[in-house]
């Protein structure tokens, strides 16, 4: 088992960027996180307004998208 940490090279043109997993992996994680954030607001959200994230749908979507992005591009992963 080889455990090399060779990073894939960044795409050079816009067309290569759109077709690469370098773009789609974080983009799909942000979309999924935002969707889960909205579902959290819709089903669990707080109506009193005292909850910072769960009382506002925009904050729930933003927070969920950020969590999705950091889950995929976590800075502590070894490879």
PDB file of N, CA and C in Angstrom:
ATOM      1  N   UNK A   1       0.825  -1.184   0.000  1.00  0.00           N
ATOM      2  CA  UNK A   1       0.000   0.000   0.000  1.00  0.00           C
ATOM      3  C   UNK A   1       0.866   1.242   0.000  1.00  0.00           C
ATOM      4  N   UNK A   2       0.716   2.028  -0.991  1.00  0.00           N
ATOM      5  CA  UNK A   2       1.474   3.266  -1.074  1.00  0.00           C
ATOM      6  C   UNK A   2       0.669   4.386  -0.427  1.00  0.00           C
ATOM      7  N   UNK A   3       1.300   5.121   0.437  1.00  0.00           N
ATOM      8  CA  UNK A   3       0.618   6.218   1.123  1.00  0.00           C
ATOM      9  C   UNK A   3       1.276   7.542   0.775  1.00  0.00           C
ATOM     10  N   UNK A   4       1.396   7.824  -0.493  1.00  0.00           N
ATOM     11  CA  UNK A   4       1.985   9.088  -0.901  1.00  0.00           C
ATOM     12  C   UNK A   4       0.914  10.170  -0.901  1.00  0.00           C
ATOM     13  N   UNK A   5       1.327  11.362  -0.632  1.00  0.00           N
ATOM     14  CA  UNK A   5       0.411  12.499  -0.551  1.00  0.00           C
ATOM     15  C   UNK A   5       0.599  13.431  -1.735  1.00  0.00           C
ATOM     16  N   UNK A   6       0.614  12.877  -2.913  1.00  0.00           N
ATOM     17  CA  UNK A   6       0.778  13.696  -4.097  1.00  0.00           C
ATOM     18  C   UNK A   6      -0.528  14.407  -4.398  1.00  0.00           C
ATOM     19  N   UNK A   7      -0.465  15.730  -4.417  1.00  0.00           N
ATOM     20  CA  UNK A   7      -1.657  16.526  -4.693  1.00  0.00           C
ATOM     21  C   UNK A   7      -1.888  16.603  -6.199  1.00  0.00           C
ATOM     22  N   UNK A   8      -3.134  16.565  -6.581  1.00  0.00           N
ATOM     23  CA  UNK A   8      -3.476  16.696  -7.997  1.00  0.00           C
ATOM     24  C   UNK A   8      -3.204  18.137  -8.425  1.00  0.00           C
ATOM     25  N   UNK A   9      -2.709  18.302  -9.628  1.00  0.00           N
ATOM     26  CA  UNK A   9      -2.408  19.646 -10.098  1.00  0.00           C
ATOM     27  C   UNK A   9      -3.702  20.411 -10.362  1.00  0.00           C
ATOM     28  N   UNK A  10      -3.621  21.698 -10.135  1.00  0.00           N
ATOM     29  CA  UNK A  10      -4.781  22.564 -10.331  1.00  0.00           C
ATOM     30  C   UNK A  10      -5.063  22.720 -11.828  1.00  0.00           C
ATOM     31  N   UNK A  11      -6.327  22.658 -12.234  1.00  0.00           N
ATOM     32  CA  UNK A  11      -6.663  22.819 -13.656  1.00  0.00           C
ATOM     33  C   UNK A  11      -6.241  24.187 -14.179  1.00  0.00           C
ATOM     34  N   UNK A  12      -5.805  24.248 -15.430  1.00  0.00           N
ATOM     35  CA  UNK A  12      -5.270  25.481 -15.983  1.00  0.00           C
ATOM     36  C   UNK A  12      -6.323  26.350 -16.662  1.00  0.00           C
ATOM     37  N   UNK A  13      -7.304  25.770 -17.305  1.00  0.00           N
ATOM     38  CA  UNK A  13      -8.328  26.567 -17.981  1.00  0.00           C
ATOM     39  C   UNK A  13      -9.660  26.419 -17.253  1.00  0.00           C
ATOM     40  N   UNK A  14     -10.579  27.310 -17.582  1.00  0.00           N
ATOM     41  CA  UNK A  14     -11.897  27.287 -16.959  1.00  0.00           C
ATOM     42  C   UNK A  14     -12.644  26.009 -17.302  1.00  0.00           C
ATOM     43  N   UNK A  15     -12.504  25.554 -18.530  1.00  0.00           N
ATOM     44  CA  UNK A  15     -13.179  24.325 -18.960  1.00  0.00           C
ATOM     45  C   UNK A  15     -12.647  23.118 -18.187  1.00  0.00           C
ATOM     46  N   UNK A  16     -11.338  23.066 -17.982  1.00  0.00           N
ATOM     47  CA  UNK A  16     -10.763  21.980 -17.178  1.00  0.00           C
ATOM     48  C   UNK A  16     -11.219  22.073 -15.722  1.00  0.00           C
ATOM     49  N   UNK A  17     -11.339  23.294 -15.214  1.00  0.00           N
ATOM     50  CA  UNK A  17     -11.782  23.496 -13.835  1.00  0.00           C
ATOM     51  C   UNK A  17     -13.195  22.974 -13.623  1.00  0.00           C
ATOM     52  N   UNK A  18     -14.096  23.301 -14.522  1.00  0.00           N
ATOM     53  CA  UNK A  18     -15.490  22.881 -14.389  1.00  0.00           C
ATOM     54  C   UNK A  18     -15.627  21.365 -14.490  1.00  0.00           C
ATOM     55  N   UNK A  19     -14.767  20.715 -15.247  1.00  0.00           N
ATOM     56  CA  UNK A  19     -14.854  19.261 -15.416  1.00  0.00           C
ATOM     57  C   UNK A  19     -14.085  18.476 -14.360  1.00  0.00           C
ATOM     58  N   UNK A  20     -13.361  19.144 -13.502  1.00  0.00           N
ATOM     59  CA  UNK A  20     -12.498  18.436 -12.548  1.00  0.00           C
ATOM     60  C   UNK A  20     -13.183  18.249 -11.193  1.00  0.00           C
ATOM     61  N   UNK A  21     -12.701  17.257 -10.457  1.00  0.00           N
ATOM     62  CA  UNK A  21     -13.207  17.044  -9.101  1.00  0.00           C
ATOM     63  C   UNK A  21     -12.663  18.097  -8.160  1.00  0.00           C
ATOM     64  N   UNK A  22     -11.628  18.811  -8.560  1.00  0.00           N
ATOM     65  CA  UNK A  22     -11.067  19.883  -7.758  1.00  0.00           C
ATOM     66  C   UNK A  22     -12.123  20.963  -7.509  1.00  0.00           C
ATOM     67  N   UNK A  23     -13.040  21.157  -8.436  1.00  0.00           N
ATOM     68  CA  UNK A  23     -14.133  22.126  -8.308  1.00  0.00           C
ATOM     69  C   UNK A  23     -15.398  21.484  -7.745  1.00  0.00           C
ATOM     70  N   UNK A  24     -15.786  20.329  -8.266  1.00  0.00           N
ATOM     71  CA  UNK A  24     -17.076  19.741  -7.935  1.00  0.00           C
ATOM     72  C   UNK A  24     -17.144  19.145  -6.539  1.00  0.00           C
ATOM     73  N   UNK A  25     -16.043  18.671  -6.016  1.00  0.00           N
ATOM     74  CA  UNK A  25     -16.066  18.078  -4.685  1.00  0.00           C
ATOM     75  C   UNK A  25     -16.441  19.124  -3.622  1.00  0.00           C
ATOM     76  N   UNK A  26     -15.780  20.277  -3.544  1.00  0.00           N
ATOM     77  CA  UNK A  26     -16.206  21.280  -2.565  1.00  0.00           C
ATOM     78  C   UNK A  26     -17.553  21.906  -2.904  1.00  0.00           C
ATOM     79  N   UNK A  27     -17.850  22.083  -4.206  1.00  0.00           N
ATOM     80  CA  UNK A  27     -19.122  22.697  -4.583  1.00  0.00           C
ATOM     81  C   UNK A  27     -20.302  21.827  -4.165  1.00  0.00           C
ATOM     82  N   UNK A  28     -20.188  20.533  -4.374  1.00  0.00           N
ATOM     83  CA  UNK A  28     -21.283  19.644  -3.972  1.00  0.00           C
ATOM     84  C   UNK A  28     -21.393  19.560  -2.453  1.00  0.00           C
ATOM     85  N   UNK A  29     -20.272  19.664  -1.744  1.00  0.00           N
ATOM     86  CA  UNK A  29     -20.324  19.651  -0.280  1.00  0.00           C
ATOM     87  C   UNK A  29     -20.997  20.910   0.254  1.00  0.00           C
ATOM     88  N   UNK A  30     -20.755  22.058  -0.371  1.00  0.00           N
ATOM     89  CA  UNK A  30     -21.403  23.306   0.051  1.00  0.00           C
ATOM     90  C   UNK A  30     -22.904  23.235  -0.219  1.00  0.00           C
ATOM     91  N   UNK A  31     -23.294  22.706  -1.359  1.00  0.00           N
ATOM     92  CA  UNK A  31     -24.722  22.585  -1.690  1.00  0.00           C
ATOM     93  C   UNK A  31     -25.409  21.618  -0.732  1.00  0.00           C
ATOM     94  N   UNK A  32     -24.786  20.480  -0.464  1.00  0.00           N
ATOM     95  CA  UNK A  32     -25.378  19.512   0.468  1.00  0.00           C
ATOM     96  C   UNK A  32     -25.440  20.083   1.879  1.00  0.00           C
ATOM     97  N   UNK A  33     -24.393  20.777   2.299  1.00  0.00           N
ATOM     98  CA  UNK A  33     -24.393  21.387   3.632  1.00  0.00           C
ATOM     99  C   UNK A  33     -25.445  22.471   3.766  1.00  0.00           C
ATOM    100  N   UNK A  34     -25.601  23.285   2.727  1.00  0.00           N
ATOM    101  CA  UNK A  34     -26.636  24.317   2.751  1.00  0.00           C
ATOM    102  C   UNK A  34     -28.032  23.720   2.796  1.00  0.00           C
ATOM    103  N   UNK A  35     -28.239  22.641   2.065  1.00  0.00           N
ATOM    104  CA  UNK A  35     -29.533  21.951   2.085  1.00  0.00           C
ATOM    105  C   UNK A  35     -29.817  21.380   3.468  1.00  0.00           C
ATOM    106  N   UNK A  36     -28.818  20.742   4.058  1.00  0.00           N
ATOM    107  CA  UNK A  36     -29.000  20.203   5.408  1.00  0.00           C
ATOM    108  C   UNK A  36     -29.195  21.320   6.430  1.00  0.00           C
ATOM    109  N   UNK A  37     -28.530  22.447   6.230  1.00  0.00           N
ATOM    110  CA  UNK A  37     -28.731  23.598   7.112  1.00  0.00           C
ATOM    111  C   UNK A  37     -30.154  24.120   7.037  1.00  0.00           C
ATOM    112  N   UNK A  38     -30.702  24.196   5.820  1.00  0.00           N
ATOM    113  CA  UNK A  38     -32.089  24.639   5.681  1.00  0.00           C
ATOM    114  C   UNK A  38     -33.051  23.637   6.294  1.00  0.00           C
ATOM    115  N   UNK A  39     -32.797  22.349   6.092  1.00  0.00           N
ATOM    116  CA  UNK A  39     -33.666  21.336   6.694  1.00  0.00           C
ATOM    117  C   UNK A  39     -33.611  21.403   8.224  1.00  0.00           C
ATOM    118  N   UNK A  40     -32.447  21.714   8.768  1.00  0.00           N
ATOM    119  CA  UNK A  40     -32.328  21.890  10.220  1.00  0.00           C
ATOM    120  C   UNK A  40     -33.183  23.075  10.666  1.00  0.00           C
ATOM    121  N   UNK A  41     -33.121  24.183   9.929  1.00  0.00           N
ATOM    122  CA  UNK A  41     -33.953  25.343  10.258  1.00  0.00           C
ATOM    123  C   UNK A  41     -35.429  24.990  10.173  1.00  0.00           C
ATOM    124  N   UNK A  42     -35.816  24.289   9.138  1.00  0.00           N
ATOM    125  CA  UNK A  42     -37.229  24.000   8.893  1.00  0.00           C
ATOM    126  C   UNK A  42     -37.823  23.062   9.942  1.00  0.00           C
ATOM    127  N   UNK A  43     -37.089  22.010  10.299  1.00  0.00           N
ATOM    128  CA  UNK A  43     -37.642  21.014  11.215  1.00  0.00           C
ATOM    129  C   UNK A  43     -37.299  21.268  12.682  1.00  0.00           C
ATOM    130  N   UNK A  44     -36.157  21.877  12.967  1.00  0.00           N
ATOM    131  CA  UNK A  44     -35.728  22.044  14.354  1.00  0.00           C
ATOM    132  C   UNK A  44     -35.762  23.504  14.774  1.00  0.00           C
ATOM    133  N   UNK A  45     -35.701  24.432  13.846  1.00  0.00           N
ATOM    134  CA  UNK A  45     -35.525  25.859  14.100  1.00  0.00           C
ATOM    135  C   UNK A  45     -36.297  26.411  15.285  1.00  0.00           C
ATOM    136  N   UNK A  46     -35.767  27.461  15.854  1.00  0.00           N
ATOM    137  CA  UNK A  46     -36.367  28.055  17.045  1.00  0.00           C
ATOM    138  C   UNK A  46     -37.201  29.262  16.648  1.00  0.00           C
ATOM    139  N   UNK A  47     -38.364  29.397  17.210  1.00  0.00           N
ATOM    140  CA  UNK A  47     -39.293  30.469  16.837  1.00  0.00           C
ATOM    141  C   UNK A  47     -39.135  31.707  17.706  1.00  0.00           C
ATOM    142  N   UNK A  48     -38.461  31.594  18.834  1.00  0.00           N
ATOM    143  CA  UNK A  48     -38.344  32.748  19.730  1.00  0.00           C
ATOM    144  C   UNK A  48     -37.352  33.780  19.207  1.00  0.00           C
ATOM    145  N   UNK A  49     -36.438  33.390  18.344  1.00  0.00           N
ATOM    146  CA  UNK A  49     -35.459  34.306  17.794  1.00  0.00           C
ATOM    147  C   UNK A  49     -34.184  34.392  18.608  1.00  0.00           C
ATOM    148  N   UNK A  50     -34.107  33.656  19.686  1.00  0.00           N
ATOM    149  CA  UNK A  50     -32.911  33.725  20.532  1.00  0.00           C
ATOM    150  C   UNK A  50     -31.784  32.827  20.041  1.00  0.00           C
ATOM    151  N   UNK A  51     -32.084  31.909  19.130  1.00  0.00           N
ATOM    152  CA  UNK A  51     -31.060  31.015  18.591  1.00  0.00           C
ATOM    153  C   UNK A  51     -30.387  31.714  17.417  1.00  0.00           C
ATOM    154  N   UNK A  52     -29.079  31.820  17.458  1.00  0.00           N
ATOM    155  CA  UNK A  52     -28.359  32.550  16.419  1.00  0.00           C
ATOM    156  C   UNK A  52     -28.433  31.909  15.049  1.00  0.00           C
ATOM    157  N   UNK A  53     -28.369  30.590  14.992  1.00  0.00           N
ATOM    158  CA  UNK A  53     -28.332  29.904  13.701  1.00  0.00           C
ATOM    159  C   UNK A  53     -29.710  29.385  13.305  1.00  0.00           C
ATOM    160  N   UNK A  54     -30.421  28.809  14.230  1.00  0.00           N
ATOM    161  CA  UNK A  54     -31.671  28.120  13.905  1.00  0.00           C
ATOM    162  C   UNK A  54     -32.866  29.055  13.748  1.00  0.00           C
ATOM    163  N   UNK A  55     -32.740  30.343  14.091  1.00  0.00           N
ATOM    164  CA  UNK A  55     -33.887  31.230  13.969  1.00  0.00           C
ATOM    165  C   UNK A  55     -33.959  31.932  12.617  1.00  0.00           C
ATOM    166  N   UNK A  56     -32.891  31.866  11.824  1.00  0.00           N
ATOM    167  CA  UNK A  56     -32.823  32.558  10.550  1.00  0.00           C
ATOM    168  C   UNK A  56     -32.451  31.548   9.451  1.00  0.00           C
ATOM    169  N   UNK A  57     -33.270  31.418   8.402  1.00  0.00           N
ATOM    170  CA  UNK A  57     -32.943  30.424   7.374  1.00  0.00           C
ATOM    171  C   UNK A  57     -31.650  30.741   6.624  1.00  0.00           C
ATOM    172  N   UNK A  58     -31.340  32.003   6.429  1.00  0.00           N
ATOM    173  CA  UNK A  58     -30.124  32.367   5.709  1.00  0.00           C
ATOM    174  C   UNK A  58     -28.878  31.992   6.508  1.00  0.00           C
ATOM    175  N   UNK A  59     -28.920  32.190   7.816  1.00  0.00           N
ATOM    176  CA  UNK A  59     -27.780  31.808   8.651  1.00  0.00           C
ATOM    177  C   UNK A  59     -27.634  30.296   8.707  1.00  0.00           C
ATOM    178  N   UNK A  60     -28.748  29.579   8.710  1.00  0.00           N
ATOM    179  CA  UNK A  60     -28.683  28.119   8.719  1.00  0.00           C
ATOM    180  C   UNK A  60     -28.063  27.585   7.439  1.00  0.00           C
ATOM    181  N   UNK A  61     -28.454  28.163   6.301  1.00  0.00           N
ATOM    182  CA  UNK A  61     -27.899  27.744   5.016  1.00  0.00           C
ATOM    183  C   UNK A  61     -26.417  28.098   4.941  1.00  0.00           C
ATOM    184  N   UNK A  62     -26.053  29.297   5.368  1.00  0.00           N
ATOM    185  CA  UNK A  62     -24.659  29.725   5.343  1.00  0.00           C
ATOM    186  C   UNK A  62     -23.796  28.857   6.255  1.00  0.00           C
ATOM    187  N   UNK A  63     -24.273  28.597   7.457  1.00  0.00           N
ATOM    188  CA  UNK A  63     -23.522  27.768   8.401  1.00  0.00           C
ATOM    189  C   UNK A  63     -23.396  26.337   7.885  1.00  0.00           C
ATOM    190  N   UNK A  64     -24.467  25.778   7.342  1.00  0.00           N
ATOM    191  CA  UNK A  64     -24.420  24.424   6.791  1.00  0.00           C
ATOM    192  C   UNK A  64     -23.468  24.321   5.613  1.00  0.00           C
ATOM    193  N   UNK A  65     -23.478  25.334   4.747  1.00  0.00           N
ATOM    194  CA  UNK A  65     -22.551  25.343   3.614  1.00  0.00           C
ATOM    195  C   UNK A  65     -21.104  25.436   4.062  1.00  0.00           C
ATOM    196  N   UNK A  66     -20.836  26.247   5.079  1.00  0.00           N
ATOM    197  CA  UNK A  66     -19.469  26.367   5.602  1.00  0.00           C
ATOM    198  C   UNK A  66     -19.014  25.057   6.233  1.00  0.00           C
ATOM    199  N   UNK A  67     -19.887  24.409   6.969  1.00  0.00           N
ATOM    200  CA  UNK A  67     -19.542  23.126   7.574  1.00  0.00           C
ATOM    201  C   UNK A  67     -19.281  22.085   6.480  1.00  0.00           C
ATOM    202  N   UNK A  68     -20.094  22.085   5.430  1.00  0.00           N
ATOM    203  CA  UNK A  68     -19.869  21.163   4.315  1.00  0.00           C
ATOM    204  C   UNK A  68     -18.542  21.413   3.626  1.00  0.00           C
ATOM    205  N   UNK A  69     -18.194  22.685   3.430  1.00  0.00           N
ATOM    206  CA  UNK A  69     -16.918  23.021   2.792  1.00  0.00           C
ATOM    207  C   UNK A  69     -15.740  22.588   3.659  1.00  0.00           C
ATOM    208  N   UNK A  70     -15.806  22.858   4.945  1.00  0.00           N
ATOM    209  CA  UNK A  70     -14.702  22.496   5.830  1.00  0.00           C
ATOM    210  C   UNK A  70     -14.626  21.000   6.077  1.00  0.00           C
ATOM    211  N   UNK A  71     -15.727  20.307   5.898  1.00  0.00           N
ATOM    212  CA  UNK A  71     -15.703  18.858   6.025  1.00  0.00           C
ATOM    213  C   UNK A  71     -14.917  18.231   4.879  1.00  0.00           C
ATOM    214  N   UNK A  72     -15.075  18.780   3.683  1.00  0.00           N
ATOM    215  CA  UNK A  72     -14.364  18.257   2.515  1.00  0.00           C
ATOM    216  C   UNK A  72     -12.919  18.765   2.473  1.00  0.00           C
ATOM    217  N   UNK A  73     -12.693  20.023   2.774  1.00  0.00           N
ATOM    218  CA  UNK A  73     -11.364  20.636   2.699  1.00  0.00           C
ATOM    219  C   UNK A  73     -10.795  20.881   4.080  1.00  0.00           C
ATOM    220  N   UNK A  74     -10.881  19.907   4.936  1.00  0.00           N
ATOM    221  CA  UNK A  74     -10.395  20.093   6.297  1.00  0.00           C
ATOM    222  C   UNK A  74      -8.875  20.294   6.302  1.00  0.00           C
ATOM    223  N   UNK A  75      -8.404  21.259   7.078  1.00  0.00           N
ATOM    224  CA  UNK A  75      -6.976  21.563   7.061  1.00  0.00           C
ATOM    225  C   UNK A  75      -6.123  20.530   7.790  1.00  0.00           C
ATOM    226  N   UNK A  76      -6.708  19.675   8.590  1.00  0.00           N
ATOM    227  CA  UNK A  76      -5.945  18.719   9.372  1.00  0.00           C
ATOM    228  C   UNK A  76      -5.787  17.361   8.710  1.00  0.00           C
ATOM    229  N   UNK A  77      -6.331  17.168   7.525  1.00  0.00           N
ATOM    230  CA  UNK A  77      -6.176  15.855   6.886  1.00  0.00           C
ATOM    231  C   UNK A  77      -4.741  15.667   6.436  1.00  0.00           C
ATOM    232  N   UNK A  78      -4.285  14.460   6.505  1.00  0.00           N
ATOM    233  CA  UNK A  78      -2.879  14.201   6.211  1.00  0.00           C
ATOM    234  C   UNK A  78      -2.589  14.130   4.721  1.00  0.00           C
ATOM    235  N   UNK A  79      -3.547  13.749   3.924  1.00  0.00           N
ATOM    236  CA  UNK A  79      -3.318  13.667   2.470  1.00  0.00           C
ATOM    237  C   UNK A  79      -4.483  14.299   1.732  1.00  0.00           C
TER     238      UNK A  79
END
